[in-house]
Amino acid sequence: RFTISRDNAKNTVYLQMNSLKAEDTAVYYCNLGYSPYD
């Protein structure tokens, strides 16, 4: 349902979310994929 992608030229990461469900309700954050910044 979800697809993550990135554009290194724009320093941007995306999350395409399809077929959303009530349980997807949340605040969404980006960070490093390992050992996120504080």
ModelCIF file with pLDDT and N, C-alpha, C, O atoms, coordinates in Angstrom:
data_MODEL
#
_entry.id   MODEL 
#
_entity.id                         1 
_entity.type                       polymer 
_entity.pdbx_number_of_molecules   1 
#
_entity_poly.entity_id                      1 
_entity_poly.type                           'polypeptide(L)' 
_entity_poly.nstd_linkage                   no 
_entity_poly.nstd_monomer                   no 
_entity_poly.pdbx_seq_one_letter_code       RFTISRDNAKNTVYLQMNSLKAEDTAVYYCNLGYSPYD 
_entity_poly.pdbx_seq_one_letter_code_can   RFTISRDNAKNTVYLQMNSLKAEDTAVYYCNLGYSPYD 
_entity_poly.pdbx_strand_id                 A 
#
loop_
_entity_poly_seq.entity_id 
_entity_poly_seq.num 
_entity_poly_seq.mon_id 
_entity_poly_seq.hetero 
1 1  ARG n 
1 2  PHE n 
1 3  THR n 
1 4  ILE n 
1 5  SER n 
1 6  ARG n 
1 7  ASP n 
1 8  ASN n 
1 9  ALA n 
1 10 LYS n 
1 11 ASN n 
1 12 THR n 
1 13 VAL n 
1 14 TYR n 
1 15 LEU n 
1 16 GLN n 
1 17 MET n 
1 18 ASN n 
1 19 SER n 
1 20 LEU n 
1 21 LYS n 
1 22 ALA n 
1 23 GLU n 
1 24 ASP n 
1 25 THR n 
1 26 ALA n 
1 27 VAL n 
1 28 TYR n 
1 29 TYR n 
1 30 CYS n 
1 31 ASN n 
1 32 LEU n 
1 33 GLY n 
1 34 TYR n 
1 35 SER n 
1 36 PRO n 
1 37 TYR n 
1 38 ASP n 
#
_struct_asym.id          A 
_struct_asym.entity_id   1 
#
loop_
_ma_qa_metric.id 
_ma_qa_metric.mode 
_ma_qa_metric.name 
_ma_qa_metric.software_group_id 
_ma_qa_metric.type 
1 global pLDDT . pLDDT 
2 local  pLDDT . pLDDT 
#
_ma_qa_metric_global.metric_id      1 
_ma_qa_metric_global.metric_value   95.76 
_ma_qa_metric_global.model_id       1 
_ma_qa_metric_global.ordinal_id     1 
#
loop_
_ma_qa_metric_local.label_asym_id 
_ma_qa_metric_local.label_comp_id 
_ma_qa_metric_local.label_seq_id 
_ma_qa_metric_local.metric_id 
_ma_qa_metric_local.metric_value 
_ma_qa_metric_local.model_id 
_ma_qa_metric_local.ordinal_id 
A ARG 1  2 98.00 1 1  
A PHE 2  2 98.00 1 2  
A THR 3  2 98.00 1 3  
A ILE 4  2 98.00 1 4  
A SER 5  2 97.00 1 5  
A ARG 6  2 96.00 1 6  
A ASP 7  2 95.00 1 7  
A ASN 8  2 93.00 1 8  
A ALA 9  2 93.00 1 9  
A LYS 10 2 94.00 1 10 
A ASN 11 2 94.00 1 11 
A THR 12 2 96.00 1 12 
A VAL 13 2 97.00 1 13 
A TYR 14 2 98.00 1 14 
A LEU 15 2 98.00 1 15 
A GLN 16 2 98.00 1 16 
A MET 17 2 98.00 1 17 
A ASN 18 2 98.00 1 18 
A SER 19 2 98.00 1 19 
A LEU 20 2 98.00 1 20 
A LYS 21 2 98.00 1 21 
A ALA 22 2 97.00 1 22 
A GLU 23 2 97.00 1 23 
A ASP 24 2 98.00 1 24 
A THR 25 2 98.00 1 25 
A ALA 26 2 98.00 1 26 
A VAL 27 2 98.00 1 27 
A TYR 28 2 98.00 1 28 
A TYR 29 2 98.00 1 29 
A CYS 30 2 96.00 1 30 
A ASN 31 2 95.00 1 31 
A LEU 32 2 94.00 1 32 
A GLY 33 2 92.00 1 33 
A TYR 34 2 91.00 1 34 
A SER 35 2 89.00 1 35 
A PRO 36 2 91.00 1 36 
A TYR 37 2 89.00 1 37 
A ASP 38 2 89.00 1 38 
#
loop_
_atom_site.group_PDB 
_atom_site.id 
_atom_site.type_symbol 
_atom_site.label_atom_id 
_atom_site.label_alt_id 
_atom_site.label_comp_id 
_atom_site.label_asym_id 
_atom_site.label_entity_id 
_atom_site.label_seq_id 
_atom_site.pdbx_PDB_ins_code 
_atom_site.Cartn_x 
_atom_site.Cartn_y 
_atom_site.Cartn_z 
_atom_site.occupancy 
_atom_site.B_iso_or_equiv 
_atom_site.pdbx_formal_charge 
_atom_site.auth_seq_id 
_atom_site.auth_comp_id 
_atom_site.auth_asym_id 
_atom_site.auth_atom_id 
_atom_site.pdbx_PDB_model_num 
ATOM 1   N N  . ARG A 1 1  ? 0.825  -1.219 0.000  1.00 98.00 ? 1  ARG A N  1 
ATOM 2   C CA . ARG A 1 1  ? 0.000  0.000  0.000  1.00 98.00 ? 1  ARG A CA 1 
ATOM 3   C C  . ARG A 1 1  ? 0.856  1.264  0.000  1.00 98.00 ? 1  ARG A C  1 
ATOM 4   O O  . ARG A 1 1  ? 0.486  2.265  -0.615 1.00 98.00 ? 1  ARG A O  1 
ATOM 5   N N  . PHE A 1 2  ? 1.983  1.224  0.678  1.00 98.00 ? 2  PHE A N  1 
ATOM 6   C CA . PHE A 1 2  ? 2.864  2.392  0.795  1.00 98.00 ? 2  PHE A CA 1 
ATOM 7   C C  . PHE A 1 2  ? 4.116  2.177  -0.048 1.00 98.00 ? 2  PHE A C  1 
ATOM 8   O O  . PHE A 1 2  ? 4.595  1.055  -0.208 1.00 98.00 ? 2  PHE A O  1 
ATOM 9   N N  . THR A 1 3  ? 4.629  3.278  -0.581 1.00 98.00 ? 3  THR A N  1 
ATOM 10  C CA . THR A 1 3  ? 5.869  3.242  -1.342 1.00 98.00 ? 3  THR A CA 1 
ATOM 11  C C  . THR A 1 3  ? 6.755  4.404  -0.927 1.00 98.00 ? 3  THR A C  1 
ATOM 12  O O  . THR A 1 3  ? 6.356  5.566  -1.001 1.00 98.00 ? 3  THR A O  1 
ATOM 13  N N  . ILE A 1 4  ? 7.956  4.075  -0.493 1.00 98.00 ? 4  ILE A N  1 
ATOM 14  C CA . ILE A 1 4  ? 8.930  5.114  -0.131 1.00 98.00 ? 4  ILE A CA 1 
ATOM 15  C C  . ILE A 1 4  ? 9.854  5.339  -1.325 1.00 98.00 ? 4  ILE A C  1 
ATOM 16  O O  . ILE A 1 4  ? 10.223 4.398  -2.027 1.00 98.00 ? 4  ILE A O  1 
ATOM 17  N N  . SER A 1 5  ? 10.215 6.590  -1.539 1.00 97.00 ? 5  SER A N  1 
ATOM 18  C CA . SER A 1 5  ? 11.147 6.927  -2.615 1.00 97.00 ? 5  SER A CA 1 
ATOM 19  C C  . SER A 1 5  ? 11.963 8.135  -2.186 1.00 97.00 ? 5  SER A C  1 
ATOM 20  O O  . SER A 1 5  ? 11.677 8.770  -1.171 1.00 97.00 ? 5  SER A O  1 
ATOM 21  N N  . ARG A 1 6  ? 12.977 8.437  -2.972 1.00 96.00 ? 6  ARG A N  1 
ATOM 22  C CA . ARG A 1 6  ? 13.845 9.563  -2.608 1.00 96.00 ? 6  ARG A CA 1 
ATOM 23  C C  . ARG A 1 6  ? 14.328 10.265 -3.864 1.00 96.00 ? 6  ARG A C  1 
ATOM 24  O O  . ARG A 1 6  ? 14.429 9.669  -4.936 1.00 96.00 ? 6  ARG A O  1 
ATOM 25  N N  . ASP A 1 7  ? 14.622 11.544 -3.701 1.00 95.00 ? 7  ASP A N  1 
ATOM 26  C CA . ASP A 1 7  ? 15.238 12.347 -4.755 1.00 95.00 ? 7  ASP A CA 1 
ATOM 27  C C  . ASP A 1 7  ? 16.469 12.989 -4.136 1.00 95.00 ? 7  ASP A C  1 
ATOM 28  O O  . ASP A 1 7  ? 16.365 13.994 -3.432 1.00 95.00 ? 7  ASP A O  1 
ATOM 29  N N  . ASN A 1 8  ? 17.619 12.418 -4.395 1.00 93.00 ? 8  ASN A N  1 
ATOM 30  C CA . ASN A 1 8  ? 18.838 12.912 -3.762 1.00 93.00 ? 8  ASN A CA 1 
ATOM 31  C C  . ASN A 1 8  ? 19.199 14.317 -4.236 1.00 93.00 ? 8  ASN A C  1 
ATOM 32  O O  . ASN A 1 8  ? 19.828 15.075 -3.498 1.00 93.00 ? 8  ASN A O  1 
ATOM 33  N N  . ALA A 1 9  ? 18.813 14.666 -5.446 1.00 93.00 ? 9  ALA A N  1 
ATOM 34  C CA . ALA A 1 9  ? 19.097 16.008 -5.952 1.00 93.00 ? 9  ALA A CA 1 
ATOM 35  C C  . ALA A 1 9  ? 18.326 17.073 -5.169 1.00 93.00 ? 9  ALA A C  1 
ATOM 36  O O  . ALA A 1 9  ? 18.755 18.223 -5.073 1.00 93.00 ? 9  ALA A O  1 
ATOM 37  N N  . LYS A 1 10 ? 17.188 16.672 -4.616 1.00 94.00 ? 10 LYS A N  1 
ATOM 38  C CA . LYS A 1 10 ? 16.354 17.618 -3.869 1.00 94.00 ? 10 LYS A CA 1 
ATOM 39  C C  . LYS A 1 10 ? 16.432 17.389 -2.359 1.00 94.00 ? 10 LYS A C  1 
ATOM 40  O O  . LYS A 1 10 ? 15.747 18.068 -1.594 1.00 94.00 ? 10 LYS A O  1 
ATOM 41  N N  . ASN A 1 11 ? 17.262 16.437 -1.927 1.00 94.00 ? 11 ASN A N  1 
ATOM 42  C CA . ASN A 1 11 ? 17.355 16.104 -0.498 1.00 94.00 ? 11 ASN A CA 1 
ATOM 43  C C  . ASN A 1 11 ? 15.972 15.839 0.092  1.00 94.00 ? 11 ASN A C  1 
ATOM 44  O O  . ASN A 1 11 ? 15.643 16.306 1.182  1.00 94.00 ? 11 ASN A O  1 
ATOM 45  N N  . THR A 1 12 ? 15.179 15.085 -0.647 1.00 96.00 ? 12 THR A N  1 
ATOM 46  C CA . THR A 1 12 ? 13.791 14.862 -0.246 1.00 96.00 ? 12 THR A CA 1 
ATOM 47  C C  . THR A 1 12 ? 13.455 13.380 -0.307 1.00 96.00 ? 12 THR A C  1 
ATOM 48  O O  . THR A 1 12 ? 13.869 12.667 -1.222 1.00 96.00 ? 12 THR A O  1 
ATOM 49  N N  . VAL A 1 13 ? 12.705 12.940 0.674  1.00 97.00 ? 13 VAL A N  1 
ATOM 50  C CA . VAL A 1 13 ? 12.193 11.575 0.701  1.00 97.00 ? 13 VAL A CA 1 
ATOM 51  C C  . VAL A 1 13 ? 10.670 11.647 0.713  1.00 97.00 ? 13 VAL A C  1 
ATOM 52  O O  . VAL A 1 13 ? 10.082 12.532 1.334  1.00 97.00 ? 13 VAL A O  1 
ATOM 53  N N  . TYR A 1 14 ? 10.051 10.712 0.026  1.00 98.00 ? 14 TYR A N  1 
ATOM 54  C CA . TYR A 1 14 ? 8.595  10.715 -0.144 1.00 98.00 ? 14 TYR A CA 1 
ATOM 55  C C  . TYR A 1 14 ? 7.985  9.428  0.417  1.00 98.00 ? 14 TYR A C  1 
ATOM 56  O O  . TYR A 1 14 ? 8.655  8.404  0.550  1.00 98.00 ? 14 TYR A O  1 
ATOM 57  N N  . LEU A 1 15 ? 6.710  9.514  0.737  1.00 98.00 ? 15 LEU A N  1 
ATOM 58  C CA . LEU A 1 15 ? 5.957  8.326  1.101  1.00 98.00 ? 15 LEU A CA 1 
ATOM 59  C C  . LEU A 1 15 ? 4.604  8.411  0.403  1.00 98.00 ? 15 LEU A C  1 
ATOM 60  O O  . LEU A 1 15 ? 3.752  9.221  0.767  1.00 98.00 ? 15 LEU A O  1 
ATOM 61  N N  . GLN A 1 16 ? 4.423  7.568  -0.596 1.00 98.00 ? 16 GLN A N  1 
ATOM 62  C CA . GLN A 1 16 ? 3.137  7.469  -1.263 1.00 98.00 ? 16 GLN A CA 1 
ATOM 63  C C  . GLN A 1 16 ? 2.296  6.453  -0.515 1.00 98.00 ? 16 GLN A C  1 
ATOM 64  O O  . GLN A 1 16 ? 2.690  5.298  -0.354 1.00 98.00 ? 16 GLN A O  1 
ATOM 65  N N  . MET A 1 17 ? 1.144  6.893  -0.064 1.00 98.00 ? 17 MET A N  1 
ATOM 66  C CA . MET A 1 17 ? 0.271  6.037  0.740  1.00 98.00 ? 17 MET A CA 1 
ATOM 67  C C  . MET A 1 17 ? -1.044 5.849  0.000  1.00 98.00 ? 17 MET A C  1 
ATOM 68  O O  . MET A 1 17 ? -1.781 6.806  -0.236 1.00 98.00 ? 17 MET A O  1 
ATOM 69  N N  . ASN A 1 18 ? -1.325 4.617  -0.358 1.00 98.00 ? 18 ASN A N  1 
ATOM 70  C CA . ASN A 1 18 ? -2.564 4.272  -1.051 1.00 98.00 ? 18 ASN A CA 1 
ATOM 71  C C  . ASN A 1 18 ? -3.407 3.342  -0.184 1.00 98.00 ? 18 ASN A C  1 
ATOM 72  O O  . ASN A 1 18 ? -2.921 2.758  0.785  1.00 98.00 ? 18 ASN A O  1 
ATOM 73  N N  . SER A 1 19 ? -4.659 3.218  -0.546 1.00 98.00 ? 19 SER A N  1 
ATOM 74  C CA . SER A 1 19 ? -5.576 2.326  0.175  1.00 98.00 ? 19 SER A CA 1 
ATOM 75  C C  . SER A 1 19 ? -5.502 2.557  1.680  1.00 98.00 ? 19 SER A C  1 
ATOM 76  O O  . SER A 1 19 ? -5.383 1.617  2.465  1.00 98.00 ? 19 SER A O  1 
ATOM 77  N N  . LEU A 1 20 ? -5.573 3.804  2.055  1.00 98.00 ? 20 LEU A N  1 
ATOM 78  C CA . LEU A 1 20 ? -5.407 4.151  3.465  1.00 98.00 ? 20 LEU A CA 1 
ATOM 79  C C  . LEU A 1 20 ? -6.524 3.574  4.324  1.00 98.00 ? 20 LEU A C  1 
ATOM 80  O O  . LEU A 1 20 ? -7.673 3.459  3.897  1.00 98.00 ? 20 LEU A O  1 
ATOM 81  N N  . LYS A 1 21 ? -6.150 3.218  5.542  1.00 98.00 ? 21 LYS A N  1 
ATOM 82  C CA . LYS A 1 21 ? -7.070 2.646  6.506  1.00 98.00 ? 21 LYS A CA 1 
ATOM 83  C C  . LYS A 1 21 ? -7.109 3.515  7.762  1.00 98.00 ? 21 LYS A C  1 
ATOM 84  O O  . LYS A 1 21 ? -6.210 4.320  8.005  1.00 98.00 ? 21 LYS A O  1 
ATOM 85  N N  . ALA A 1 22 ? -8.143 3.342  8.536  1.00 97.00 ? 22 ALA A N  1 
ATOM 86  C CA . ALA A 1 22 ? -8.262 4.120  9.770  1.00 97.00 ? 22 ALA A CA 1 
ATOM 87  C C  . ALA A 1 22 ? -7.040 3.917  10.668 1.00 97.00 ? 22 ALA A C  1 
ATOM 88  O O  . ALA A 1 22 ? -6.605 4.844  11.351 1.00 97.00 ? 22 ALA A O  1 
ATOM 89  N N  . GLU A 1 23 ? -6.504 2.730  10.665 1.00 97.00 ? 23 GLU A N  1 
ATOM 90  C CA . GLU A 1 23 ? -5.349 2.438  11.527 1.00 97.00 ? 23 GLU A CA 1 
ATOM 91  C C  . GLU A 1 23 ? -4.057 3.079  11.046 1.00 97.00 ? 23 GLU A C  1 
ATOM 92  O O  . GLU A 1 23 ? -3.031 2.977  11.719 1.00 97.00 ? 23 GLU A O  1 
ATOM 93  N N  . ASP A 1 24 ? -4.090 3.733  9.901  1.00 98.00 ? 24 ASP A N  1 
ATOM 94  C CA . ASP A 1 24 ? -2.929 4.501  9.440  1.00 98.00 ? 24 ASP A CA 1 
ATOM 95  C C  . ASP A 1 24 ? -2.914 5.910  10.035 1.00 98.00 ? 24 ASP A C  1 
ATOM 96  O O  . ASP A 1 24 ? -1.951 6.655  9.853  1.00 98.00 ? 24 ASP A O  1 
ATOM 97  N N  . THR A 1 25 ? -3.964 6.265  10.732 1.00 98.00 ? 25 THR A N  1 
ATOM 98  C CA . THR A 1 25 ? -4.033 7.579  11.358 1.00 98.00 ? 25 THR A CA 1 
ATOM 99  C C  . THR A 1 25 ? -2.896 7.748  12.358 1.00 98.00 ? 25 THR A C  1 
ATOM 100 O O  . THR A 1 25 ? -2.731 6.941  13.272 1.00 98.00 ? 25 THR A O  1 
ATOM 101 N N  . ALA A 1 26 ? -2.115 8.808  12.171 1.00 98.00 ? 26 ALA A N  1 
ATOM 102 C CA . ALA A 1 26 ? -0.942 9.032  13.012 1.00 98.00 ? 26 ALA A CA 1 
ATOM 103 C C  . ALA A 1 26 ? -0.269 10.327 12.567 1.00 98.00 ? 26 ALA A C  1 
ATOM 104 O O  . ALA A 1 26 ? -0.617 10.912 11.541 1.00 98.00 ? 26 ALA A O  1 
ATOM 105 N N  . VAL A 1 27 ? 0.696  10.753 13.360 1.00 98.00 ? 27 VAL A N  1 
ATOM 106 C CA . VAL A 1 27 ? 1.620  11.788 12.905 1.00 98.00 ? 27 VAL A CA 1 
ATOM 107 C C  . VAL A 1 27 ? 2.810  11.078 12.273 1.00 98.00 ? 27 VAL A C  1 
ATOM 108 O O  . VAL A 1 27 ? 3.395  10.168 12.861 1.00 98.00 ? 27 VAL A O  1 
ATOM 109 N N  . TYR A 1 28 ? 3.154  11.507 11.073 1.00 98.00 ? 28 TYR A N  1 
ATOM 110 C CA . TYR A 1 28 ? 4.228  10.876 10.316 1.00 98.00 ? 28 TYR A CA 1 
ATOM 111 C C  . TYR A 1 28 ? 5.471  11.759 10.334 1.00 98.00 ? 28 TYR A C  1 
ATOM 112 O O  . TYR A 1 28 ? 5.395  12.977 10.168 1.00 98.00 ? 28 TYR A O  1 
ATOM 113 N N  . TYR A 1 29 ? 6.607  11.117 10.539 1.00 98.00 ? 29 TYR A N  1 
ATOM 114 C CA . TYR A 1 29 ? 7.885  11.803 10.641 1.00 98.00 ? 29 TYR A CA 1 
ATOM 115 C C  . TYR A 1 29 ? 8.895  11.134 9.717  1.00 98.00 ? 29 TYR A C  1 
ATOM 116 O O  . TYR A 1 29 ? 8.787  9.946  9.411  1.00 98.00 ? 29 TYR A O  1 
ATOM 117 N N  . CYS A 1 30 ? 9.866  11.905 9.283  1.00 96.00 ? 30 CYS A N  1 
ATOM 118 C CA . CYS A 1 30 ? 11.008 11.293 8.610  1.00 96.00 ? 30 CYS A CA 1 
ATOM 119 C C  . CYS A 1 30 ? 12.238 11.488 9.486  1.00 96.00 ? 30 CYS A C  1 
ATOM 120 O O  . CYS A 1 30 ? 12.293 12.383 10.330 1.00 96.00 ? 30 CYS A O  1 
ATOM 121 N N  . ASN A 1 31 ? 13.211 10.633 9.261  1.00 95.00 ? 31 ASN A N  1 
ATOM 122 C CA . ASN A 1 31 ? 14.465 10.705 9.998  1.00 95.00 ? 31 ASN A CA 1 
ATOM 123 C C  . ASN A 1 31 ? 15.420 9.717  9.338  1.00 95.00 ? 31 ASN A C  1 
ATOM 124 O O  . ASN A 1 31 ? 15.076 9.101  8.330  1.00 95.00 ? 31 ASN A O  1 
ATOM 125 N N  . LEU A 1 32 ? 16.593 9.565  9.887  1.00 94.00 ? 32 LEU A N  1 
ATOM 126 C CA . LEU A 1 32 ? 17.486 8.535  9.383  1.00 94.00 ? 32 LEU A CA 1 
ATOM 127 C C  . LEU A 1 32 ? 16.809 7.171  9.556  1.00 94.00 ? 32 LEU A C  1 
ATOM 128 O O  . LEU A 1 32 ? 16.056 6.953  10.505 1.00 94.00 ? 32 LEU A O  1 
ATOM 129 N N  . GLY A 1 33 ? 17.086 6.282  8.642  1.00 92.00 ? 33 GLY A N  1 
ATOM 130 C CA . GLY A 1 33 ? 16.467 4.975  8.713  1.00 92.00 ? 33 GLY A CA 1 
ATOM 131 C C  . GLY A 1 33 ? 17.051 4.075  9.795  1.00 92.00 ? 33 GLY A C  1 
ATOM 132 O O  . GLY A 1 33 ? 16.404 3.122  10.229 1.00 92.00 ? 33 GLY A O  1 
ATOM 133 N N  . TYR A 1 34 ? 18.241 4.367  10.220 1.00 91.00 ? 34 TYR A N  1 
ATOM 134 C CA . TYR A 1 34 ? 18.878 3.685  11.343 1.00 91.00 ? 34 TYR A CA 1 
ATOM 135 C C  . TYR A 1 34 ? 19.362 4.764  12.304 1.00 91.00 ? 34 TYR A C  1 
ATOM 136 O O  . TYR A 1 34 ? 19.793 5.827  11.858 1.00 91.00 ? 34 TYR A O  1 
ATOM 137 N N  . SER A 1 35 ? 19.306 4.530  13.556 1.00 89.00 ? 35 SER A N  1 
ATOM 138 C CA . SER A 1 35 ? 19.773 5.480  14.574 1.00 89.00 ? 35 SER A CA 1 
ATOM 139 C C  . SER A 1 35 ? 19.282 6.889  14.280 1.00 89.00 ? 35 SER A C  1 
ATOM 140 O O  . SER A 1 35 ? 20.083 7.773  13.977 1.00 89.00 ? 35 SER A O  1 
ATOM 141 N N  . PRO A 1 36 ? 17.978 7.106  14.367 1.00 91.00 ? 36 PRO A N  1 
ATOM 142 C CA . PRO A 1 36 ? 17.437 8.430  14.048 1.00 91.00 ? 36 PRO A CA 1 
ATOM 143 C C  . PRO A 1 36 ? 17.998 9.521  14.952 1.00 91.00 ? 36 PRO A C  1 
ATOM 144 O O  . PRO A 1 36 ? 18.362 9.281  16.103 1.00 91.00 ? 36 PRO A O  1 
ATOM 145 N N  . TYR A 1 37 ? 18.054 10.719 14.396 1.00 89.00 ? 37 TYR A N  1 
ATOM 146 C CA . TYR A 1 37 ? 18.464 11.876 15.172 1.00 89.00 ? 37 TYR A CA 1 
ATOM 147 C C  . TYR A 1 37 ? 17.494 12.102 16.331 1.00 89.00 ? 37 TYR A C  1 
ATOM 148 O O  . TYR A 1 37 ? 16.315 11.757 16.254 1.00 89.00 ? 37 TYR A O  1 
ATOM 149 N N  . ASP A 1 38 ? 18.013 12.683 17.393 1.00 89.00 ? 38 ASP A N  1 
ATOM 150 C CA . ASP A 1 38 ? 17.157 13.019 18.530 1.00 89.00 ? 38 ASP A CA 1 
ATOM 151 C C  . ASP A 1 38 ? 16.189 14.147 18.196 1.00 89.00 ? 38 ASP A C  1 
ATOM 152 O O  . ASP A 1 38 ? 15.396 14.552 19.046 1.00 89.00 ? 38 ASP A O  1 
#
